[in-house]
PDB file of N, CA and C in Angstrom:
ATOM      1  N   UNK A   1       0.846  -1.166   0.000  1.00  0.00           N
ATOM      2  CA  UNK A   1       0.000   0.000   0.000  1.00  0.00           C
ATOM      3  C   UNK A   1       0.901   1.242   0.000  1.00  0.00           C
ATOM      4  N   UNK A   2       0.607   2.215  -0.872  1.00  0.00           N
ATOM      5  CA  UNK A   2       1.456   3.411  -0.940  1.00  0.00           C
ATOM      6  C   UNK A   2       1.269   4.298   0.290  1.00  0.00           C
ATOM      7  N   UNK A   3       2.280   5.063   0.595  1.00  0.00           N
ATOM      8  CA  UNK A   3       2.219   6.011   1.703  1.00  0.00           C
ATOM      9  C   UNK A   3       1.903   7.383   1.120  1.00  0.00           C
ATOM     10  N   UNK A   4       0.852   8.001   1.616  1.00  0.00           N
ATOM     11  CA  UNK A   4       0.458   9.332   1.175  1.00  0.00           C
ATOM     12  C   UNK A   4       0.791  10.328   2.274  1.00  0.00           C
ATOM     13  N   UNK A   5       1.390  11.426   1.921  1.00  0.00           N
ATOM     14  CA  UNK A   5       1.712  12.478   2.886  1.00  0.00           C
ATOM     15  C   UNK A   5       0.543  13.453   2.987  1.00  0.00           C
ATOM     16  N   UNK A   6      -0.592  12.947   3.443  1.00  0.00           N
ATOM     17  CA  UNK A   6      -1.808  13.750   3.513  1.00  0.00           C
ATOM     18  C   UNK A   6      -1.657  14.927   4.465  1.00  0.00           C
ATOM     19  N   UNK A   7      -0.817  14.781   5.462  1.00  0.00           N
ATOM     20  CA  UNK A   7      -0.597  15.873   6.407  1.00  0.00           C
ATOM     21  C   UNK A   7       0.064  17.079   5.744  1.00  0.00           C
ATOM     22  N   UNK A   8       0.692  16.877   4.589  1.00  0.00           N
ATOM     23  CA  UNK A   8       1.364  17.959   3.877  1.00  0.00           C
ATOM     24  C   UNK A   8       0.521  18.531   2.734  1.00  0.00           C
ATOM     25  N   UNK A   9      -0.656  17.967   2.508  1.00  0.00           N
ATOM     26  CA  UNK A   9      -1.531  18.430   1.427  1.00  0.00           C
ATOM     27  C   UNK A   9      -2.212  19.743   1.804  1.00  0.00           C
ATOM     28  N   UNK A  10      -2.636  20.498   0.785  1.00  0.00           N
ATOM     29  CA  UNK A  10      -3.371  21.734   1.053  1.00  0.00           C
ATOM     30  C   UNK A  10      -4.747  21.432   1.632  1.00  0.00           C
ATOM     31  N   UNK A  11      -5.418  20.403   1.096  1.00  0.00           N
ATOM     32  CA  UNK A  11      -6.759  20.042   1.555  1.00  0.00           C
ATOM     33  C   UNK A  11      -6.915  18.539   1.483  1.00  0.00           C
ATOM     34  N   UNK A  12      -7.504  17.954   2.511  1.00  0.00           N
ATOM     35  CA  UNK A  12      -7.741  16.513   2.587  1.00  0.00           C
ATOM     36  C   UNK A  12      -9.211  16.285   2.921  1.00  0.00           C
ATOM     37  N   UNK A  13      -9.842  15.362   2.222  1.00  0.00           N
ATOM     38  CA  UNK A  13     -11.206  14.952   2.530  1.00  0.00           C
ATOM     39  C   UNK A  13     -11.152  13.506   2.984  1.00  0.00           C
ATOM     40  N   UNK A  14     -11.636  13.253   4.180  1.00  0.00           N
ATOM     41  CA  UNK A  14     -11.678  11.897   4.722  1.00  0.00           C
ATOM     42  C   UNK A  14     -13.134  11.462   4.713  1.00  0.00           C
ATOM     43  N   UNK A  15     -13.426  10.339   4.063  1.00  0.00           N
ATOM     44  CA  UNK A  15     -14.779   9.808   4.002  1.00  0.00           C
ATOM     45  C   UNK A  15     -14.893   8.690   5.024  1.00  0.00           C
ATOM     46  N   UNK A  16     -15.828   8.851   5.961  1.00  0.00           N
ATOM     47  CA  UNK A  16     -16.048   7.854   7.007  1.00  0.00           C
ATOM     48  C   UNK A  16     -17.522   7.520   7.082  1.00  0.00           C
ATOM     49  N   UNK A  17     -17.806   6.280   7.473  1.00  0.00           N
ATOM     50  CA  UNK A  17     -19.201   5.862   7.632  1.00  0.00           C
ATOM     51  C   UNK A  17     -19.828   6.442   8.889  1.00  0.00           C
ATOM     52  N   UNK A  18     -19.035   6.635   9.921  1.00  0.00           N
ATOM     53  CA  UNK A  18     -19.581   7.137  11.178  1.00  0.00           C
ATOM     54  C   UNK A  18     -18.561   7.943  11.946  1.00  0.00           C
ATOM     55  N   UNK A  19     -18.930   8.291  13.160  1.00  0.00           N
ATOM     56  CA  UNK A  19     -18.108   9.157  13.982  1.00  0.00           C
ATOM     57  C   UNK A  19     -17.213   8.380  14.944  1.00  0.00           C
ATOM     58  N   UNK A  20     -17.096   7.066  14.752  1.00  0.00           N
ATOM     59  CA  UNK A  20     -16.299   6.234  15.653  1.00  0.00           C
ATOM     60  C   UNK A  20     -14.805   6.473  15.502  1.00  0.00           C
ATOM     61  N   UNK A  21     -14.024   5.859  16.393  1.00  0.00           N
ATOM     62  CA  UNK A  21     -12.575   6.032  16.383  1.00  0.00           C
ATOM     63  C   UNK A  21     -11.906   5.344  15.205  1.00  0.00           C
ATOM     64  N   UNK A  22     -12.530   4.337  14.648  1.00  0.00           N
ATOM     65  CA  UNK A  22     -11.943   3.687  13.482  1.00  0.00           C
ATOM     66  C   UNK A  22     -11.198   2.427  13.819  1.00  0.00           C
ATOM     67  N   UNK A  23     -10.297   2.067  12.947  1.00  0.00           N
ATOM     68  CA  UNK A  23      -9.573   0.803  13.030  1.00  0.00           C
ATOM     69  C   UNK A  23      -8.842   0.670  14.358  1.00  0.00           C
ATOM     70  N   UNK A  24      -9.125  -0.396  15.086  1.00  0.00           N
ATOM     71  CA  UNK A  24      -8.477  -0.747  16.355  1.00  0.00           C
ATOM     72  C   UNK A  24      -8.626   0.331  17.420  1.00  0.00           C
ATOM     73  N   UNK A  25      -9.559   1.260  17.254  1.00  0.00           N
ATOM     74  CA  UNK A  25      -9.781   2.293  18.249  1.00  0.00           C
ATOM     75  C   UNK A  25      -8.681   3.327  18.345  1.00  0.00           C
ATOM     76  N   UNK A  26      -7.824   3.394  17.333  1.00  0.00           N
ATOM     77  CA  UNK A  26      -6.715   4.347  17.336  1.00  0.00           C
ATOM     78  C   UNK A  26      -7.191   5.672  16.745  1.00  0.00           C
ATOM     79  N   UNK A  27      -6.956   6.753  17.468  1.00  0.00           N
ATOM     80  CA  UNK A  27      -7.346   8.082  16.990  1.00  0.00           C
ATOM     81  C   UNK A  27      -6.319   8.558  15.974  1.00  0.00           C
ATOM     82  N   UNK A  28      -6.794   9.020  14.822  1.00  0.00           N
ATOM     83  CA  UNK A  28      -5.913   9.498  13.751  1.00  0.00           C
ATOM     84  C   UNK A  28      -5.774  11.016  13.870  1.00  0.00           C
ATOM     85  N   UNK A  29      -4.577  11.518  14.127  1.00  0.00           N
ATOM     86  CA  UNK A  29      -4.400  12.971  14.276  1.00  0.00           C
ATOM     87  C   UNK A  29      -4.724  13.755  13.000  1.00  0.00           C
ATOM     88  N   UNK A  30      -4.680  13.106  11.840  1.00  0.00           N
ATOM     89  CA  UNK A  30      -5.035  13.780  10.591  1.00  0.00           C
ATOM     90  C   UNK A  30      -6.469  14.295  10.636  1.00  0.00           C
ATOM     91  N   UNK A  31      -7.358  13.560  11.309  1.00  0.00           N
ATOM     92  CA  UNK A  31      -8.766  13.953  11.369  1.00  0.00           C
ATOM     93  C   UNK A  31      -8.955  15.315  12.024  1.00  0.00           C
ATOM     94  N   UNK A  32      -7.999  15.758  12.835  1.00  0.00           N
ATOM     95  CA  UNK A  32      -8.123  17.011  13.569  1.00  0.00           C
ATOM     96  C   UNK A  32      -7.225  18.113  12.999  1.00  0.00           C
ATOM     97  N   UNK A  33      -6.586  17.835  11.890  1.00  0.00           N
ATOM     98  CA  UNK A  33      -5.706  18.816  11.265  1.00  0.00           C
ATOM     99  C   UNK A  33      -6.533  19.918  10.590  1.00  0.00           C
ATOM    100  N   UNK A  34      -5.932  21.086  10.453  1.00  0.00           N
ATOM    101  CA  UNK A  34      -6.631  22.222   9.840  1.00  0.00           C
ATOM    102  C   UNK A  34      -6.943  21.991   8.361  1.00  0.00           C
ATOM    103  N   UNK A  35      -6.159  21.144   7.688  1.00  0.00           N
ATOM    104  CA  UNK A  35      -6.362  20.913   6.256  1.00  0.00           C
ATOM    105  C   UNK A  35      -7.336  19.772   5.975  1.00  0.00           C
ATOM    106  N   UNK A  36      -7.983  19.245   7.010  1.00  0.00           N
ATOM    107  CA  UNK A  36      -8.829  18.060   6.857  1.00  0.00           C
ATOM    108  C   UNK A  36     -10.310  18.391   6.995  1.00  0.00           C
ATOM    109  N   UNK A  37     -11.101  17.878   6.079  1.00  0.00           N
ATOM    110  CA  UNK A  37     -12.555  17.948   6.155  1.00  0.00           C
ATOM    111  C   UNK A  37     -13.099  16.535   6.239  1.00  0.00           C
ATOM    112  N   UNK A  38     -13.973  16.276   7.191  1.00  0.00           N
ATOM    113  CA  UNK A  38     -14.598  14.970   7.349  1.00  0.00           C
ATOM    114  C   UNK A  38     -15.901  14.954   6.547  1.00  0.00           C
ATOM    115  N   UNK A  39     -16.106  13.894   5.789  1.00  0.00           N
ATOM    116  CA  UNK A  39     -17.335  13.706   5.033  1.00  0.00           C
ATOM    117  C   UNK A  39     -17.904  12.362   5.477  1.00  0.00           C
ATOM    118  N   UNK A  40     -19.097  12.382   6.047  1.00  0.00           N
ATOM    119  CA  UNK A  40     -19.689  11.163   6.575  1.00  0.00           C
ATOM    120  C   UNK A  40     -20.665  10.566   5.575  1.00  0.00           C
ATOM    121  N   UNK A  41     -20.567   9.237   5.397  1.00  0.00           N
ATOM    122  CA  UNK A  41     -21.473   8.531   4.513  1.00  0.00           C
ATOM    123  C   UNK A  41     -20.778   7.366   3.838  1.00  0.00           C
ATOM    124  N   UNK A  42     -21.513   6.690   2.990  1.00  0.00           N
ATOM    125  CA  UNK A  42     -20.972   5.583   2.210  1.00  0.00           C
ATOM    126  C   UNK A  42     -19.985   6.140   1.188  1.00  0.00           C
ATOM    127  N   UNK A  43     -18.772   5.601   1.161  1.00  0.00           N
ATOM    128  CA  UNK A  43     -17.701   6.152   0.328  1.00  0.00           C
ATOM    129  C   UNK A  43     -18.094   6.230  -1.142  1.00  0.00           C
ATOM    130  N   UNK A  44     -18.721   5.198  -1.665  1.00  0.00           N
ATOM    131  CA  UNK A  44     -19.060   5.207  -3.093  1.00  0.00           C
ATOM    132  C   UNK A  44     -20.050   6.319  -3.410  1.00  0.00           C
ATOM    133  N   UNK A  45     -21.114   6.435  -2.635  1.00  0.00           N
ATOM    134  CA  UNK A  45     -22.118   7.463  -2.937  1.00  0.00           C
ATOM    135  C   UNK A  45     -21.569   8.863  -2.676  1.00  0.00           C
ATOM    136  N   UNK A  46     -20.740   9.019  -1.655  1.00  0.00           N
ATOM    137  CA  UNK A  46     -20.133  10.322  -1.371  1.00  0.00           C
ATOM    138  C   UNK A  46     -19.224  10.743  -2.522  1.00  0.00           C
ATOM    139  N   UNK A  47     -18.391   9.834  -3.005  1.00  0.00           N
ATOM    140  CA  UNK A  47     -17.485  10.177  -4.098  1.00  0.00           C
ATOM    141  C   UNK A  47     -18.233  10.488  -5.387  1.00  0.00           C
ATOM    142  N   UNK A  48     -19.305   9.765  -5.655  1.00  0.00           N
ATOM    143  CA  UNK A  48     -20.116  10.063  -6.841  1.00  0.00           C
ATOM    144  C   UNK A  48     -20.666  11.485  -6.737  1.00  0.00           C
ATOM    145  N   UNK A  49     -21.170  11.845  -5.562  1.00  0.00           N
ATOM    146  CA  UNK A  49     -21.714  13.196  -5.369  1.00  0.00           C
ATOM    147  C   UNK A  49     -20.626  14.261  -5.494  1.00  0.00           C
ATOM    148  N   UNK A  50     -19.438  13.987  -4.960  1.00  0.00           N
ATOM    149  CA  UNK A  50     -18.336  14.950  -5.052  1.00  0.00           C
ATOM    150  C   UNK A  50     -17.893  15.136  -6.500  1.00  0.00           C
ATOM    151  N   UNK A  51     -17.805  14.049  -7.260  1.00  0.00           N
ATOM    152  CA  UNK A  51     -17.409  14.123  -8.669  1.00  0.00           C
ATOM    153  C   UNK A  51     -18.434  14.910  -9.464  1.00  0.00           C
ATOM    154  N   UNK A  52     -19.724  14.651  -9.214  1.00  0.00           N
ATOM    155  CA  UNK A  52     -20.773  15.389  -9.912  1.00  0.00           C
ATOM    156  C   UNK A  52     -20.703  16.879  -9.582  1.00  0.00           C
ATOM    157  N   UNK A  53     -20.409  17.215  -8.336  1.00  0.00           N
ATOM    158  CA  UNK A  53     -20.308  18.620  -7.941  1.00  0.00           C
ATOM    159  C   UNK A  53     -19.141  19.300  -8.648  1.00  0.00           C
ATOM    160  N   UNK A  54     -18.012  18.625  -8.744  1.00  0.00           N
ATOM    161  CA  UNK A  54     -16.846  19.200  -9.424  1.00  0.00           C
ATOM    162  C   UNK A  54     -17.127  19.354 -10.912  1.00  0.00           C
ATOM    163  N   UNK A  55     -17.743  18.364 -11.498  1.00  0.00           N
ATOM    164  CA  UNK A  55     -18.107  18.479 -12.924  1.00  0.00           C
ATOM    165  C   UNK A  55     -19.058  19.643 -13.142  1.00  0.00           C
ATOM    166  N   UNK A  56     -19.995  19.838 -12.220  1.00  0.00           N
ATOM    167  CA  UNK A  56     -20.933  20.947 -12.322  1.00  0.00           C
ATOM    168  C   UNK A  56     -20.236  22.290 -12.270  1.00  0.00           C
ATOM    169  N   UNK A  57     -19.157  22.396 -11.515  1.00  0.00           N
ATOM    170  CA  UNK A  57     -18.398  23.644 -11.457  1.00  0.00           C
ATOM    171  C   UNK A  57     -17.809  23.977 -12.813  1.00  0.00           C
ATOM    172  N   UNK A  58     -17.288  22.968 -13.507  1.00  0.00           N
ATOM    173  CA  UNK A  58     -16.707  23.184 -14.825  1.00  0.00           C
ATOM    174  C   UNK A  58     -17.756  23.571 -15.850  1.00  0.00           C
ATOM    175  N   UNK A  59     -18.923  22.982 -15.744  1.00  0.00           N
ATOM    176  CA  UNK A  59     -20.000  23.284 -16.707  1.00  0.00           C
ATOM    177  C   UNK A  59     -20.560  24.684 -16.483  1.00  0.00           C
ATOM    178  N   UNK A  60     -20.655  25.117 -15.231  1.00  0.00           N
ATOM    179  CA  UNK A  60     -21.220  26.430 -14.971  1.00  0.00           C
ATOM    180  C   UNK A  60     -20.291  27.548 -15.421  1.00  0.00           C
ATOM    181  N   UNK A  61     -18.969  27.314 -15.373  1.00  0.00           N
ATOM    182  CA  UNK A  61     -18.029  28.349 -15.815  1.00  0.00           C
ATOM    183  C   UNK A  61     -17.902  28.382 -17.333  1.00  0.00           C
ATOM    184  N   UNK A  62     -18.238  27.281 -17.997  1.00  0.00           N
ATOM    185  CA  UNK A  62     -18.145  27.214 -19.467  1.00  0.00           C
ATOM    186  C   UNK A  62     -19.336  27.915 -20.134  1.00  0.00           C
ATOM    187  N   UNK A  63     -20.395  28.114 -19.377  1.00  0.00           N
ATOM    188  CA  UNK A  63     -21.613  28.702 -19.968  1.00  0.00           C
ATOM    189  C   UNK A  63     -21.527  30.182 -20.154  1.00  0.00           C
TER     190      UNK A  63
END
């Protein structure tokens, strides 16, 4: 599995099903970073909605 330096990114979106601590109950400090936005829901449906929103931005500026 590749290592991503998400802590160094300008913006990070974390998709989670719920508000629990996650794998093995370990708290991830990335979740509390200033560059992180939490998005709750099913990953597939959330990503479809995010992609549609981004595509909509491109279409609205082209008009």
